[in-house]
Amino acid sequence: MTKPFGRPPGVYSVQPMTSTSNEQRTFRVTDLGTLAVLAWSGEHPEDEKDMAFLLAYSLGDTEGGPEATAEAMRTLLRDAALPIGGPVLDGARNPSLPVGLLVEAEQAVVNMPLVKAQCVVPPEWLAAVHLRGHAYFMITTRAWPEGKPGSPVDEDALRDFAGSEETMLNAAHCLLPVRRLRG
């Protein structure tokens, strides 16, 4: 994972919606705290071509702290049938995947049940997503207070967080095909 861009990560726009899981736990988007999405591109080890990456995470800034946001994120992912820790779900092979990616006007928009994320993406990310037709999306239950929207993200800090075993094992992983607005 290389070449993180220096632009500020986008922030999820959240609406006060609720859902109930099989355990009757009420999900409130506000329980997730501040959610951010970060886009970067980097060489994929299998074919040495650039891959477009998106990482969604909470800052862990709710009353209950990182533990509460992790629980809320687990509920969101469970309700959306997105397995934590793998496997990587391929949206091209699974059209009913409840996550979608729209790319338009240097913006990436990720849609999930109850949550919508939007961020500005750099030219290298756009080139990588155009080359492959999809982006690798990871949404982690692990809080990252240091990844504040509007602050530059150091390449080493991004690698340490996004590439850590704890982050990877506590995340849902998807390949999201790119959709574009029809005009």
Protein backbone atom coordinates (compact mmCIF):
# COMPACT_ATOMS: atom_id res chain seq x y z
CA MET A 1 0.00 0.00 0.00
CA THR A 2 1.75 3.05 -1.24
CA LYS A 3 1.08 6.50 -2.56
CA PRO A 4 -1.56 7.75 -0.10
CA PHE A 5 -2.71 11.10 -1.28
CA GLY A 6 -2.28 14.25 0.76
CA ARG A 7 -5.83 15.53 0.32
CA PRO A 8 -8.12 15.27 3.33
CA PRO A 9 -10.17 12.09 3.56
CA GLY A 10 -13.89 12.39 2.97
CA VAL A 11 -16.39 12.06 5.77
CA TYR A 12 -19.45 9.88 5.83
CA SER A 13 -22.67 11.77 5.73
CA VAL A 14 -24.99 10.10 8.18
CA GLN A 15 -28.70 10.29 8.74
CA PRO A 16 -30.36 9.34 12.05
CA MET A 17 -31.78 6.03 10.80
CA THR A 18 -32.16 2.82 12.75
CA SER A 19 -32.37 -0.88 12.01
CA THR A 20 -32.77 -3.92 14.17
CA SER A 21 -30.66 -7.08 13.87
CA ASN A 22 -31.76 -10.62 14.74
CA GLU A 23 -30.64 -9.96 18.30
CA GLN A 24 -33.04 -6.98 18.48
CA ARG A 25 -30.14 -4.58 19.00
CA THR A 26 -31.15 -1.22 17.65
CA PHE A 27 -28.60 0.26 15.28
CA ARG A 28 -28.21 4.01 15.19
CA VAL A 29 -25.85 5.58 12.69
CA THR A 30 -24.81 8.14 15.31
CA ASP A 31 -23.34 5.28 17.40
CA LEU A 32 -20.62 4.99 14.76
CA GLY A 33 -19.17 8.37 15.71
CA THR A 34 -17.26 10.30 13.07
CA LEU A 35 -16.71 8.04 10.10
CA ALA A 36 -14.08 8.78 7.51
CA VAL A 37 -13.16 7.27 4.19
CA LEU A 38 -9.68 7.48 2.77
CA ALA A 39 -8.69 6.78 -0.85
CA TRP A 40 -5.25 5.93 -2.20
CA SER A 41 -3.69 3.82 -4.92
CA GLY A 42 -0.84 1.40 -4.72
CA GLU A 43 0.81 -1.44 -6.55
CA HIS A 44 -0.96 -4.77 -6.18
CA PRO A 45 1.59 -7.50 -5.35
CA GLU A 46 0.08 -10.10 -7.68
CA ASP A 47 0.28 -8.17 -10.95
CA GLU A 48 2.32 -5.05 -10.06
CA LYS A 49 -0.43 -2.77 -11.44
CA ASP A 50 -1.97 0.00 -9.39
CA MET A 51 -5.07 -0.81 -7.36
CA ALA A 52 -7.55 1.78 -6.09
CA PHE A 53 -8.17 1.37 -2.35
CA LEU A 54 -10.88 2.81 -0.08
CA LEU A 55 -10.71 2.46 3.69
CA ALA A 56 -13.67 3.34 5.93
CA TYR A 57 -13.20 3.65 9.69
CA SER A 58 -14.52 5.47 12.75
CA LEU A 59 -12.54 7.94 14.82
CA GLY A 60 -13.94 6.21 17.91
CA ASP A 61 -15.27 9.52 19.19
CA THR A 62 -18.62 8.60 20.73
CA GLU A 63 -19.52 8.60 24.41
CA GLY A 64 -18.54 4.94 24.70
CA GLY A 65 -15.25 5.47 22.87
CA PRO A 66 -13.61 3.07 20.43
CA GLU A 67 -15.27 0.01 22.00
CA ALA A 68 -18.75 1.44 21.39
CA THR A 69 -17.98 2.45 17.81
CA ALA A 70 -16.50 -1.00 17.13
CA GLU A 71 -19.71 -2.63 18.40
CA ALA A 72 -21.85 -0.31 16.27
CA MET A 73 -19.70 -1.06 13.22
CA ARG A 74 -19.98 -4.82 13.86
CA THR A 75 -23.77 -4.44 14.00
CA LEU A 76 -23.80 -2.46 10.74
CA LEU A 77 -21.67 -5.07 8.99
CA ARG A 78 -23.66 -8.00 10.40
CA ASP A 79 -26.96 -6.39 9.35
CA ALA A 80 -25.54 -5.88 5.84
CA ALA A 81 -24.30 -9.52 5.72
CA LEU A 82 -20.69 -8.38 5.25
CA PRO A 83 -18.39 -10.90 6.96
CA ILE A 84 -15.69 -9.50 9.20
CA GLY A 85 -12.23 -10.89 8.48
CA GLY A 86 -12.98 -12.25 5.04
CA PRO A 87 -13.51 -13.57 2.49
CA VAL A 88 -13.17 -10.73 -0.01
CA LEU A 89 -16.60 -10.29 -1.57
CA ASP A 90 -16.59 -9.52 -5.29
CA GLY A 91 -19.41 -7.19 -6.24
CA ALA A 92 -19.09 -8.18 -9.92
CA ARG A 93 -19.88 -11.80 -9.02
CA ASN A 94 -22.39 -10.92 -6.32
CA PRO A 95 -24.83 -8.33 -7.71
CA SER A 96 -26.89 -8.45 -4.50
CA LEU A 97 -23.91 -7.17 -2.47
CA PRO A 98 -25.34 -4.36 -0.31
CA VAL A 99 -22.40 -2.06 -1.04
CA GLY A 100 -21.98 -0.04 -4.21
CA LEU A 101 -19.43 2.40 -5.62
CA LEU A 102 -20.22 5.38 -7.81
CA VAL A 103 -17.35 7.39 -9.30
CA GLU A 104 -18.12 10.76 -10.82
CA ALA A 105 -16.33 14.12 -11.09
CA GLU A 106 -13.27 13.14 -9.01
CA GLN A 107 -15.53 11.83 -6.24
CA ALA A 108 -16.02 8.29 -4.95
CA VAL A 109 -19.37 7.55 -3.31
CA VAL A 110 -19.83 4.32 -1.36
CA ASN A 111 -23.42 3.34 -0.60
CA MET A 112 -24.30 0.86 2.15
CA PRO A 113 -27.54 0.27 3.99
CA LEU A 114 -28.07 3.32 6.23
CA VAL A 115 -24.67 4.86 5.42
CA LYS A 116 -23.32 6.81 2.46
CA ALA A 117 -19.66 7.84 2.11
CA GLN A 118 -18.20 10.37 -0.28
CA CYS A 119 -14.65 11.55 -0.75
CA VAL A 120 -12.49 13.37 -3.26
CA VAL A 121 -10.09 11.00 -5.00
CA PRO A 122 -6.69 11.85 -6.54
CA PRO A 123 -5.86 11.38 -10.25
CA GLU A 124 -3.74 8.26 -9.52
CA TRP A 125 -6.74 6.62 -7.82
CA LEU A 126 -8.99 7.47 -10.77
CA ALA A 127 -6.43 6.00 -13.20
CA ALA A 128 -6.20 2.78 -11.15
CA VAL A 129 -9.97 2.38 -10.87
CA HIS A 130 -10.35 3.07 -14.60
CA LEU A 131 -7.70 0.43 -15.41
CA ARG A 132 -9.30 -2.27 -13.26
CA GLY A 133 -12.97 -1.28 -13.26
CA HIS A 134 -13.19 -1.78 -9.49
CA ALA A 135 -11.77 -0.61 -6.16
CA TYR A 136 -10.77 -2.59 -3.09
CA PHE A 137 -13.01 -1.42 -0.23
CA MET A 138 -12.26 -2.22 3.39
CA ILE A 139 -14.48 -1.11 6.27
CA THR A 140 -12.97 -1.81 9.66
CA THR A 141 -14.44 -1.99 13.15
CA ARG A 142 -11.12 -0.73 14.49
CA ALA A 143 -11.11 2.97 15.40
CA TRP A 144 -8.36 5.23 14.07
CA PRO A 145 -8.46 8.54 16.00
CA GLU A 146 -5.29 9.71 14.25
CA GLY A 147 -6.93 9.51 10.79
CA LYS A 148 -8.92 12.72 11.23
CA PRO A 149 -10.70 14.13 8.19
CA GLY A 150 -9.00 17.26 6.93
CA SER A 151 -5.55 16.24 8.19
CA PRO A 152 -2.84 14.87 5.90
CA VAL A 153 -2.21 11.16 6.36
CA ASP A 154 1.42 10.06 6.52
CA GLU A 155 2.23 7.10 4.26
CA ASP A 156 3.83 5.14 7.12
CA ALA A 157 0.87 5.78 9.44
CA LEU A 158 -1.55 4.61 6.74
CA ARG A 159 0.51 1.48 6.08
CA ASP A 160 0.75 0.75 9.81
CA PHE A 161 -3.00 1.11 10.35
CA ALA A 162 -4.50 -0.28 7.13
CA GLY A 163 -1.96 -3.07 6.79
CA SER A 164 -2.00 -4.25 10.39
CA GLU A 165 -3.34 -7.70 11.16
CA GLU A 166 -5.73 -6.23 13.75
CA THR A 167 -7.28 -3.87 11.19
CA MET A 168 -7.48 -6.52 8.45
CA LEU A 169 -9.05 -9.18 10.66
CA ASN A 170 -11.62 -6.71 12.01
CA ALA A 171 -12.80 -5.51 8.62
CA ALA A 172 -15.14 -6.48 5.81
CA HIS A 173 -13.37 -6.63 2.43
CA CYS A 174 -15.01 -6.05 -0.96
CA LEU A 175 -14.09 -5.52 -4.58
CA LEU A 176 -16.57 -2.89 -5.74
CA PRO A 177 -17.24 -2.49 -9.46
CA VAL A 178 -17.42 1.13 -10.55
CA ARG A 179 -20.76 2.55 -11.54
CA ARG A 180 -21.10 5.90 -13.23
CA LEU A 181 -24.00 8.30 -13.59
CA ARG A 182 -25.75 7.93 -16.90
CA GLY A 183 -26.19 11.11 -18.84
